[in-house]
Amino acid sequence: MYFKFAVEEGYLSNEYVPKFQTVRVPKDRAHKRDILTTDQWNRLTAYMRSNRYLKGTRVSLDGKELEMRKHCDHRKNKRLKKEKGYEERVARPITPLEQTKRQIFRCFMLINYSTGNRPGELLKMTWGDVTINQMDSKEQQKTHRLLKVRAATSKTGMSRTINAPVAIYLERLKKAYESLGMECEAHHFLFRNPTPARREKNTLFGDHTFTQRLENILKWSGIQEELDKQNKKVVLYSARHAYVTWRLEHGVNIHMLCRNIGSSVT
């Protein structure tokens, strides 16, 4: 605060900066993130493909379906003929807009776990950052895409390009937006908010919104209960650590992996 603001801006001179006593603190070498096991990830993706998640009813955080009162025609039931009206409780369906938002979030999760991107880097990516690698074979071009992380959106300030098998997820993502009449031009964010008031503003989803959705699907799928027993906390950033862990377990070269994710070997 003193050196980077007060002195540089001319509010203080160096002689008036207080002398602080500092202590060197050893770097924390403990692991920073918990990750899903491959079995948990497979079950989570199965849940995100299910009709219960994509086309089902609204559920509370404990996984129970939320109900609504529905007025029924009393003439349909002879026993209720004399009654003026009849109400029953039925499951509350999700709206078409919510269905699309769930499809978008599913694509985000699948792409994030397939690239090892930092969540912020992926959220700020545009359709113009997605290209086909001309050096790939014809078969690879059907499944893989190049994803460019621009220097302006990279944590390190350096750009990089990721080659990942995410073509099918990007196609599904594009169809989800087109179902709402939204175009996917080069300047549009991959994950922009489809709420009617924001569709024309190219407003991207925030970390908080997707964090809440992740918390929901972990609870609804029953996986959060397992994580609680293991004293684990899985967040959006856990996808990056899971990606690295699984790639190393499958023998991917560590130097190539570090270039792919924009990190040091250490």
C-alpha atoms as a PDB file:
ATOM      1  CA  MET A   1       0.000   0.000   0.000  1.00  0.00           C
ATOM      2  CA  TYR A   2       2.744   2.462   0.962  1.00  0.00           C
ATOM      3  CA  PHE A   3       5.237   1.701  -1.789  1.00  0.00           C
ATOM      4  CA  LYS A   4       2.873   0.753  -4.649  1.00  0.00           C
ATOM      5  CA  PHE A   5       0.398   3.559  -4.068  1.00  0.00           C
ATOM      6  CA  ALA A   6       1.395   6.311  -1.667  1.00  0.00           C
ATOM      7  CA  VAL A   7       5.022   6.726  -2.777  1.00  0.00           C
ATOM      8  CA  GLU A   8       4.423   6.126  -6.492  1.00  0.00           C
ATOM      9  CA  GLU A   9       1.528   8.578  -6.552  1.00  0.00           C
ATOM     10  CA  GLY A  10       3.496  11.187  -4.628  1.00  0.00           C
ATOM     11  CA  TYR A  11       1.396  11.239  -1.460  1.00  0.00           C
ATOM     12  CA  LEU A  12       4.401  10.255   0.689  1.00  0.00           C
ATOM     13  CA  SER A  13       8.153  10.223   0.358  1.00  0.00           C
ATOM     14  CA  ASN A  14      10.228   7.164   1.287  1.00  0.00           C
ATOM     15  CA  GLU A  15      11.343   8.709   4.556  1.00  0.00           C
ATOM     16  CA  TYR A  16       7.785   8.671   5.891  1.00  0.00           C
ATOM     17  CA  VAL A  17       7.144   4.985   5.106  1.00  0.00           C
ATOM     18  CA  PRO A  18       6.971   3.026   8.390  1.00  0.00           C
ATOM     19  CA  LYS A  19       9.618   0.396   9.081  1.00  0.00           C
ATOM     20  CA  PHE A  20       7.939  -2.993   9.337  1.00  0.00           C
ATOM     21  CA  GLN A  21       9.417  -6.062  10.990  1.00  0.00           C
ATOM     22  CA  THR A  22       8.924  -9.093   8.752  1.00  0.00           C
ATOM     23  CA  VAL A  23       9.363 -12.806   9.310  1.00  0.00           C
ATOM     24  CA  ARG A  24      10.034 -15.316   6.543  1.00  0.00           C
ATOM     25  CA  VAL A  25       7.332 -17.981   6.653  1.00  0.00           C
ATOM     26  CA  PRO A  26       8.126 -21.445   5.233  1.00  0.00           C
ATOM     27  CA  LYS A  27       6.115 -22.310   2.163  1.00  0.00           C
ATOM     28  CA  ASP A  28       3.190 -24.596   2.807  1.00  0.00           C
ATOM     29  CA  ARG A  29       3.964 -27.844   0.985  1.00  0.00           C
ATOM     30  CA  ALA A  30       0.642 -29.514   1.762  1.00  0.00           C
ATOM     31  CA  HIS A  31      -1.738 -30.269  -1.106  1.00  0.00           C
ATOM     32  CA  LYS A  32      -4.098 -27.391  -1.740  1.00  0.00           C
ATOM     33  CA  ARG A  33      -7.096 -29.073  -3.331  1.00  0.00           C
ATOM     34  CA  ASP A  34      -9.217 -32.148  -2.829  1.00  0.00           C
ATOM     35  CA  ILE A  35     -10.367 -33.939  -5.975  1.00  0.00           C
ATOM     36  CA  LEU A  36     -13.001 -36.442  -6.960  1.00  0.00           C
ATOM     37  CA  THR A  37     -12.007 -40.057  -7.428  1.00  0.00           C
ATOM     38  CA  THR A  38     -12.456 -41.376 -10.951  1.00  0.00           C
ATOM     39  CA  ASP A  39     -15.432 -43.405  -9.718  1.00  0.00           C
ATOM     40  CA  GLN A  40     -17.057 -40.307  -8.218  1.00  0.00           C
ATOM     41  CA  TRP A  41     -16.404 -38.352 -11.407  1.00  0.00           C
ATOM     42  CA  ASN A  42     -17.975 -41.104 -13.522  1.00  0.00           C
ATOM     43  CA  ARG A  43     -21.057 -41.144 -11.287  1.00  0.00           C
ATOM     44  CA  LEU A  44     -21.283 -37.356 -11.379  1.00  0.00           C
ATOM     45  CA  THR A  45     -21.166 -37.265 -15.182  1.00  0.00           C
ATOM     46  CA  ALA A  46     -23.794 -40.022 -15.294  1.00  0.00           C
ATOM     47  CA  TYR A  47     -26.015 -37.866 -13.080  1.00  0.00           C
ATOM     48  CA  MET A  48     -25.465 -34.814 -15.304  1.00  0.00           C
ATOM     49  CA  ARG A  49     -26.588 -36.908 -18.309  1.00  0.00           C
ATOM     50  CA  SER A  50     -29.742 -38.131 -16.579  1.00  0.00           C
ATOM     51  CA  ASN A  51     -33.232 -36.871 -17.332  1.00  0.00           C
ATOM     52  CA  ARG A  52     -33.627 -36.202 -13.626  1.00  0.00           C
ATOM     53  CA  TYR A  53     -31.002 -33.471 -13.920  1.00  0.00           C
ATOM     54  CA  LEU A  54     -31.563 -32.185 -17.465  1.00  0.00           C
ATOM     55  CA  LYS A  55     -35.338 -32.489 -17.827  1.00  0.00           C
ATOM     56  CA  GLY A  56     -36.622 -33.324 -14.388  1.00  0.00           C
ATOM     57  CA  THR A  57     -38.238 -31.472 -11.567  1.00  0.00           C
ATOM     58  CA  ARG A  58     -36.896 -28.852  -9.215  1.00  0.00           C
ATOM     59  CA  VAL A  59     -35.155 -30.324  -6.203  1.00  0.00           C
ATOM     60  CA  SER A  60     -33.971 -28.874  -2.921  1.00  0.00           C
ATOM     61  CA  LEU A  61     -30.403 -29.123  -1.710  1.00  0.00           C
ATOM     62  CA  ASP A  62     -31.224 -32.323   0.181  1.00  0.00           C
ATOM     63  CA  GLY A  63     -32.256 -33.931  -3.110  1.00  0.00           C
ATOM     64  CA  LYS A  64     -36.000 -33.954  -2.456  1.00  0.00           C
ATOM     65  CA  GLU A  65     -38.396 -32.865  -5.178  1.00  0.00           C
ATOM     66  CA  LEU A  66     -40.117 -29.547  -4.638  1.00  0.00           C
ATOM     67  CA  GLU A  67     -43.890 -29.653  -4.961  1.00  0.00           C
ATOM     68  CA  MET A  68     -46.516 -27.234  -6.194  1.00  0.00           C
ATOM     69  CA  ARG A  69     -50.288 -27.073  -5.770  1.00  0.00           C
ATOM     70  CA  LYS A  70     -52.156 -27.902  -8.936  1.00  0.00           C
ATOM     71  CA  HIS A  71     -55.886 -27.176  -9.378  1.00  0.00           C
ATOM     72  CA  CYS A  72     -57.715 -30.113 -10.933  1.00  0.00           C
ATOM     73  CA  ASP A  73     -61.128 -30.281 -12.576  1.00  0.00           C
ATOM     74  CA  HIS A  74     -63.411 -31.900 -10.002  1.00  0.00           C
ATOM     75  CA  ARG A  75     -65.569 -33.351 -12.768  1.00  0.00           C
ATOM     76  CA  LYS A  76     -62.867 -35.901 -13.542  1.00  0.00           C
ATOM     77  CA  ASN A  77     -63.533 -37.682 -10.276  1.00  0.00           C
ATOM     78  CA  LYS A  78     -67.090 -38.777  -9.423  1.00  0.00           C
ATOM     79  CA  ARG A  79     -66.247 -38.819  -5.739  1.00  0.00           C
ATOM     80  CA  LEU A  80     -65.362 -35.129  -5.907  1.00  0.00           C
ATOM     81  CA  LYS A  81     -68.312 -34.059  -8.089  1.00  0.00           C
ATOM     82  CA  LYS A  82     -69.986 -32.163  -5.303  1.00  0.00           C
ATOM     83  CA  GLU A  83     -66.843 -30.243  -4.425  1.00  0.00           C
ATOM     84  CA  LYS A  84     -66.222 -26.860  -6.017  1.00  0.00           C
ATOM     85  CA  GLY A  85     -62.578 -27.569  -6.651  1.00  0.00           C
ATOM     86  CA  TYR A  86     -59.784 -29.982  -5.971  1.00  0.00           C
ATOM     87  CA  GLU A  87     -56.055 -29.446  -5.507  1.00  0.00           C
ATOM     88  CA  GLU A  88     -53.229 -31.933  -5.478  1.00  0.00           C
ATOM     89  CA  ARG A  89     -49.496 -31.664  -4.969  1.00  0.00           C
ATOM     90  CA  VAL A  90     -47.299 -32.411  -7.953  1.00  0.00           C
ATOM     91  CA  ALA A  91     -43.585 -32.117  -8.603  1.00  0.00           C
ATOM     92  CA  ARG A  92     -42.541 -28.652  -9.745  1.00  0.00           C
ATOM     93  CA  PRO A  93     -40.963 -28.938 -13.235  1.00  0.00           C
ATOM     94  CA  ILE A  94     -37.939 -26.903 -14.206  1.00  0.00           C
ATOM     95  CA  THR A  95     -38.366 -24.240 -16.866  1.00  0.00           C
ATOM     96  CA  PRO A  96     -36.955 -24.561 -20.412  1.00  0.00           C
ATOM     97  CA  LEU A  97     -34.488 -21.786 -19.545  1.00  0.00           C
ATOM     98  CA  GLU A  98     -33.287 -23.718 -16.498  1.00  0.00           C
ATOM     99  CA  GLN A  99     -32.916 -26.829 -18.662  1.00  0.00           C
ATOM    100  CA  THR A 100     -30.612 -24.886 -20.976  1.00  0.00           C
ATOM    101  CA  LYS A 101     -28.602 -23.476 -18.069  1.00  0.00           C
ATOM    102  CA  ARG A 102     -28.060 -27.007 -16.784  1.00  0.00           C
ATOM    103  CA  GLN A 103     -26.889 -28.121 -20.222  1.00  0.00           C
ATOM    104  CA  ILE A 104     -24.465 -25.192 -20.333  1.00  0.00           C
ATOM    105  CA  PHE A 105     -23.069 -26.006 -16.894  1.00  0.00           C
ATOM    106  CA  ARG A 106     -22.666 -29.675 -17.816  1.00  0.00           C
ATOM    107  CA  CYS A 107     -20.602 -28.637 -20.862  1.00  0.00           C
ATOM    108  CA  PHE A 108     -18.509 -26.373 -18.629  1.00  0.00           C
ATOM    109  CA  MET A 109     -17.723 -29.239 -16.267  1.00  0.00           C
ATOM    110  CA  LEU A 110     -16.845 -31.655 -19.075  1.00  0.00           C
ATOM    111  CA  ILE A 111     -14.599 -29.133 -20.851  1.00  0.00           C
ATOM    112  CA  ASN A 112     -12.942 -28.036 -17.615  1.00  0.00           C
ATOM    113  CA  TYR A 113     -12.129 -31.614 -16.608  1.00  0.00           C
ATOM    114  CA  SER A 114     -10.837 -32.290 -20.142  1.00  0.00           C
ATOM    115  CA  THR A 115      -8.455 -29.308 -20.326  1.00  0.00           C
ATOM    116  CA  GLY A 116      -7.210 -28.508 -16.811  1.00  0.00           C
ATOM    117  CA  ASN A 117      -7.959 -24.823 -17.326  1.00  0.00           C
ATOM    118  CA  ARG A 118      -8.235 -22.441 -14.441  1.00  0.00           C
ATOM    119  CA  PRO A 119     -11.986 -21.746 -14.136  1.00  0.00           C
ATOM    120  CA  GLY A 120     -11.490 -18.020 -14.743  1.00  0.00           C
ATOM    121  CA  GLU A 121      -9.526 -18.691 -17.936  1.00  0.00           C
ATOM    122  CA  LEU A 122     -12.253 -20.928 -19.319  1.00  0.00           C
ATOM    123  CA  LEU A 123     -15.067 -18.566 -18.377  1.00  0.00           C
ATOM    124  CA  LYS A 124     -13.377 -15.703 -20.247  1.00  0.00           C
ATOM    125  CA  MET A 125     -12.790 -17.746 -23.391  1.00  0.00           C
ATOM    126  CA  THR A 126     -14.683 -16.783 -26.558  1.00  0.00           C
ATOM    127  CA  TRP A 127     -15.769 -18.750 -29.598  1.00  0.00           C
ATOM    128  CA  GLY A 128     -13.011 -16.969 -31.505  1.00  0.00           C
ATOM    129  CA  ASP A 129     -10.500 -18.726 -29.246  1.00  0.00           C
ATOM    130  CA  VAL A 130     -11.641 -22.134 -30.568  1.00  0.00           C
ATOM    131  CA  THR A 131     -10.080 -23.496 -33.765  1.00  0.00           C
ATOM    132  CA  ILE A 132      -9.339 -26.791 -35.507  1.00  0.00           C
ATOM    133  CA  ASN A 133      -5.743 -27.951 -35.539  1.00  0.00           C
ATOM    134  CA  GLN A 134      -4.754 -28.282 -39.194  1.00  0.00           C
ATOM    135  CA  MET A 135      -1.877 -30.565 -38.137  1.00  0.00           C
ATOM    136  CA  ASP A 136      -4.289 -33.124 -36.679  1.00  0.00           C
ATOM    137  CA  SER A 137      -5.471 -36.109 -38.681  1.00  0.00           C
ATOM    138  CA  LYS A 138      -8.980 -36.102 -40.139  1.00  0.00           C
ATOM    139  CA  GLU A 139     -10.138 -38.373 -37.337  1.00  0.00           C
ATOM    140  CA  GLN A 140      -8.585 -36.166 -34.655  1.00  0.00           C
ATOM    141  CA  GLN A 141     -10.214 -33.093 -36.169  1.00  0.00           C
ATOM    142  CA  LYS A 142     -13.601 -34.696 -35.491  1.00  0.00           C
ATOM    143  CA  THR A 143     -12.909 -34.977 -31.773  1.00  0.00           C
ATOM    144  CA  HIS A 144     -10.277 -32.361 -30.874  1.00  0.00           C
ATOM    145  CA  ARG A 145     -10.191 -28.579 -30.780  1.00  0.00           C
ATOM    146  CA  LEU A 146      -7.526 -25.986 -30.041  1.00  0.00           C
ATOM    147  CA  LEU A 147      -8.475 -23.687 -27.152  1.00  0.00           C
ATOM    148  CA  LYS A 148      -6.463 -20.494 -26.870  1.00  0.00           C
ATOM    149  CA  VAL A 149      -5.920 -18.919 -23.466  1.00  0.00           C
ATOM    150  CA  ARG A 150      -5.160 -15.277 -24.215  1.00  0.00           C
ATOM    151  CA  ALA A 151      -2.422 -13.445 -22.316  1.00  0.00           C
ATOM    152  CA  ALA A 152      -4.956 -10.911 -21.075  1.00  0.00           C
ATOM    153  CA  THR A 153      -7.028 -13.639 -19.399  1.00  0.00           C
ATOM    154  CA  SER A 154      -4.188 -15.901 -18.286  1.00  0.00           C
ATOM    155  CA  LYS A 155      -3.077 -15.879 -14.662  1.00  0.00           C
ATOM    156  CA  THR A 156       0.583 -15.927 -15.738  1.00  0.00           C
ATOM    157  CA  GLY A 157       0.171 -13.184 -18.348  1.00  0.00           C
ATOM    158  CA  MET A 158       1.337 -15.598 -21.047  1.00  0.00           C
ATOM    159  CA  SER A 159      -0.844 -17.050 -23.777  1.00  0.00           C
ATOM    160  CA  ARG A 160      -0.992 -20.759 -24.518  1.00  0.00           C
ATOM    161  CA  THR A 161      -2.986 -23.143 -26.707  1.00  0.00           C
ATOM    162  CA  ILE A 162      -4.540 -26.372 -25.466  1.00  0.00           C
ATOM    163  CA  ASN A 163      -5.329 -29.330 -27.721  1.00  0.00           C
ATOM    164  CA  ALA A 164      -8.179 -31.296 -26.149  1.00  0.00           C
ATOM    165  CA  PRO A 165     -10.909 -33.810 -27.111  1.00  0.00           C
ATOM    166  CA  VAL A 166     -13.775 -31.390 -26.494  1.00  0.00           C
ATOM    167  CA  ALA A 167     -15.353 -31.013 -29.953  1.00  0.00           C
ATOM    168  CA  ILE A 168     -18.565 -32.828 -28.990  1.00  0.00           C
ATOM    169  CA  TYR A 169     -18.994 -30.732 -25.825  1.00  0.00           C
ATOM    170  CA  LEU A 170     -18.560 -27.501 -27.785  1.00  0.00           C
ATOM    171  CA  GLU A 171     -21.112 -28.661 -30.356  1.00  0.00           C
ATOM    172  CA  ARG A 172     -23.625 -29.404 -27.601  1.00  0.00           C
ATOM    173  CA  LEU A 173     -22.894 -26.057 -26.002  1.00  0.00           C
ATOM    174  CA  LYS A 174     -23.536 -24.254 -29.279  1.00  0.00           C
ATOM    175  CA  LYS A 175     -26.820 -26.122 -29.791  1.00  0.00           C
ATOM    176  CA  ALA A 176     -27.938 -25.157 -26.285  1.00  0.00           C
ATOM    177  CA  TYR A 177     -27.536 -21.468 -27.117  1.00  0.00           C
ATOM    178  CA  GLU A 178     -29.068 -21.804 -30.564  1.00  0.00           C
ATOM    179  CA  SER A 179     -32.155 -23.405 -28.991  1.00  0.00           C
ATOM    180  CA  LEU A 180     -32.750 -20.016 -27.350  1.00  0.00           C
ATOM    181  CA  GLY A 181     -32.128 -18.107 -30.581  1.00  0.00           C
ATOM    182  CA  MET A 182     -28.648 -16.997 -29.436  1.00  0.00           C
ATOM    183  CA  GLU A 183     -25.826 -16.861 -31.970  1.00  0.00           C
ATOM    184  CA  CYS A 184     -22.289 -17.990 -31.193  1.00  0.00           C
ATOM    185  CA  GLU A 185     -20.085 -15.432 -32.952  1.00  0.00           C
ATOM    186  CA  ALA A 186     -16.328 -15.083 -32.474  1.00  0.00           C
ATOM    187  CA  HIS A 187     -16.651 -12.305 -29.866  1.00  0.00           C
ATOM    188  CA  HIS A 188     -19.234 -14.140 -27.763  1.00  0.00           C
ATOM    189  CA  PHE A 189     -18.116 -15.847 -24.568  1.00  0.00           C
ATOM    190  CA  LEU A 190     -18.369 -19.630 -24.547  1.00  0.00           C
ATOM    191  CA  PHE A 191     -20.314 -19.458 -21.295  1.00  0.00           C
ATOM    192  CA  ARG A 192     -22.500 -16.395 -21.412  1.00  0.00           C
ATOM    193  CA  ASN A 193     -25.618 -15.878 -19.359  1.00  0.00           C
ATOM    194  CA  PRO A 194     -28.778 -16.789 -21.355  1.00  0.00           C
ATOM    195  CA  THR A 195     -31.165 -14.944 -19.038  1.00  0.00           C
ATOM    196  CA  PRO A 196     -33.456 -12.880 -21.349  1.00  0.00           C
ATOM    197  CA  ALA A 197     -32.332  -9.529 -19.898  1.00  0.00           C
ATOM    198  CA  ARG A 198     -28.657 -10.403 -20.558  1.00  0.00           C
ATOM    199  CA  ARG A 199     -28.739 -12.330 -23.830  1.00  0.00           C
ATOM    200  CA  GLU A 200     -27.790  -9.370 -26.006  1.00  0.00           C
ATOM    201  CA  LYS A 201     -25.137  -8.064 -23.602  1.00  0.00           C
ATOM    202  CA  ASN A 202     -22.679 -10.951 -23.933  1.00  0.00           C
ATOM    203  CA  THR A 203     -22.528 -11.283 -20.131  1.00  0.00           C
ATOM    204  CA  LEU A 204     -20.424 -14.218 -18.968  1.00  0.00           C
ATOM    205  CA  PHE A 205     -21.297 -16.457 -16.051  1.00  0.00           C
ATOM    206  CA  GLY A 206     -19.464 -15.661 -12.824  1.00  0.00           C
ATOM    207  CA  ASP A 207     -17.524 -18.023 -10.571  1.00  0.00           C
ATOM    208  CA  HIS A 208     -20.158 -17.678  -7.856  1.00  0.00           C
ATOM    209  CA  THR A 209     -22.992 -18.862 -10.116  1.00  0.00           C
ATOM    210  CA  PHE A 210     -21.146 -21.961 -11.287  1.00  0.00           C
ATOM    211  CA  THR A 211     -19.851 -22.643  -7.772  1.00  0.00           C
ATOM    212  CA  GLN A 212     -23.456 -22.762  -6.548  1.00  0.00           C
ATOM    213  CA  ARG A 213     -24.411 -25.122  -9.365  1.00  0.00           C
ATOM    214  CA  LEU A 214     -21.495 -27.414  -8.537  1.00  0.00           C
ATOM    215  CA  GLU A 215     -22.547 -27.511  -4.887  1.00  0.00           C
ATOM    216  CA  ASN A 216     -26.065 -28.406  -5.986  1.00  0.00           C
ATOM    217  CA  ILE A 217     -25.155 -31.325  -8.243  1.00  0.00           C
ATOM    218  CA  LEU A 218     -22.750 -32.737  -5.659  1.00  0.00           C
ATOM    219  CA  LYS A 219     -25.587 -32.785  -3.138  1.00  0.00           C
ATOM    220  CA  TRP A 220     -28.298 -33.970  -5.529  1.00  0.00           C
ATOM    221  CA  SER A 221     -26.115 -36.824  -6.819  1.00  0.00           C
ATOM    222  CA  GLY A 222     -25.281 -37.979  -3.283  1.00  0.00           C
ATOM    223  CA  ILE A 223     -21.536 -37.487  -3.768  1.00  0.00           C
ATOM    224  CA  GLN A 224     -21.304 -34.586  -1.308  1.00  0.00           C
ATOM    225  CA  GLU A 225     -22.296 -36.949   1.501  1.00  0.00           C
ATOM    226  CA  GLU A 226     -19.294 -39.126   0.641  1.00  0.00           C
ATOM    227  CA  LEU A 227     -16.989 -36.101   0.511  1.00  0.00           C
ATOM    228  CA  ASP A 228     -18.205 -34.931   3.926  1.00  0.00           C
ATOM    229  CA  LYS A 229     -17.352 -38.312   5.446  1.00  0.00           C
ATOM    230  CA  GLN A 230     -13.865 -38.057   3.925  1.00  0.00           C
ATOM    231  CA  ASN A 231     -13.498 -34.446   5.103  1.00  0.00           C
ATOM    232  CA  LYS A 232     -12.989 -33.329   1.495  1.00  0.00           C
ATOM    233  CA  LYS A 233     -14.114 -30.145  -0.225  1.00  0.00           C
ATOM    234  CA  VAL A 234     -14.411 -30.117  -3.999  1.00  0.00           C
ATOM    235  CA  VAL A 235     -14.658 -26.741  -5.755  1.00  0.00           C
ATOM    236  CA  LEU A 236     -14.480 -25.529  -9.361  1.00  0.00           C
ATOM    237  CA  TYR A 237     -10.690 -25.310  -9.196  1.00  0.00           C
ATOM    238  CA  SER A 238     -10.529 -28.984  -8.197  1.00  0.00           C
ATOM    239  CA  ALA A 239     -11.078 -29.845 -11.863  1.00  0.00           C
ATOM    240  CA  ARG A 240      -7.586 -28.524 -12.659  1.00  0.00           C
ATOM    241  CA  HIS A 241      -5.948 -30.665  -9.977  1.00  0.00           C
ATOM    242  CA  ALA A 242      -7.971 -33.718 -10.978  1.00  0.00           C
ATOM    243  CA  TYR A 243      -6.934 -33.254 -14.604  1.00  0.00           C
ATOM    244  CA  VAL A 244      -3.257 -33.069 -13.654  1.00  0.00           C
ATOM    245  CA  THR A 245      -3.475 -36.055 -11.303  1.00  0.00           C
ATOM    246  CA  TRP A 246      -5.248 -38.295 -13.812  1.00  0.00           C
ATOM    247  CA  ARG A 247      -2.933 -37.317 -16.681  1.00  0.00           C
ATOM    248  CA  LEU A 248       0.163 -38.117 -14.603  1.00  0.00           C
ATOM    249  CA  GLU A 249      -1.365 -41.444 -13.562  1.00  0.00           C
ATOM    250  CA  HIS A 250      -1.801 -42.274 -17.247  1.00  0.00           C
ATOM    251  CA  GLY A 251       1.832 -41.516 -18.022  1.00  0.00           C
ATOM    252  CA  VAL A 252       1.563 -38.122 -19.744  1.00  0.00           C
ATOM    253  CA  ASN A 253       4.944 -36.387 -19.947  1.00  0.00           C
ATOM    254  CA  ILE A 254       5.131 -33.884 -17.087  1.00  0.00           C
ATOM    255  CA  HIS A 255       6.861 -31.188 -19.159  1.00  0.00           C
ATOM    256  CA  MET A 256       4.231 -31.406 -21.905  1.00  0.00           C
ATOM    257  CA  LEU A 257       1.516 -31.379 -19.254  1.00  0.00           C
ATOM    258  CA  CYS A 258       2.911 -28.219 -17.640  1.00  0.00           C
ATOM    259  CA  ARG A 259       2.985 -26.390 -20.969  1.00  0.00           C
ATOM    260  CA  ASN A 260      -0.600 -27.470 -21.547  1.00  0.00           C
ATOM    261  CA  ILE A 261      -1.910 -26.102 -18.249  1.00  0.00           C
ATOM    262  CA  GLY A 262       0.376 -23.071 -18.013  1.00  0.00           C
ATOM    263  CA  SER A 263       2.247 -24.055 -14.865  1.00  0.00           C
ATOM    264  CA  SER A 264       5.760 -24.896 -13.697  1.00  0.00           C
ATOM    265  CA  VAL A 265       7.028 -28.431 -13.228  1.00  0.00           C
ATOM    266  CA  THR A 266       7.436 -27.740  -9.506  1.00  0.00           C
END
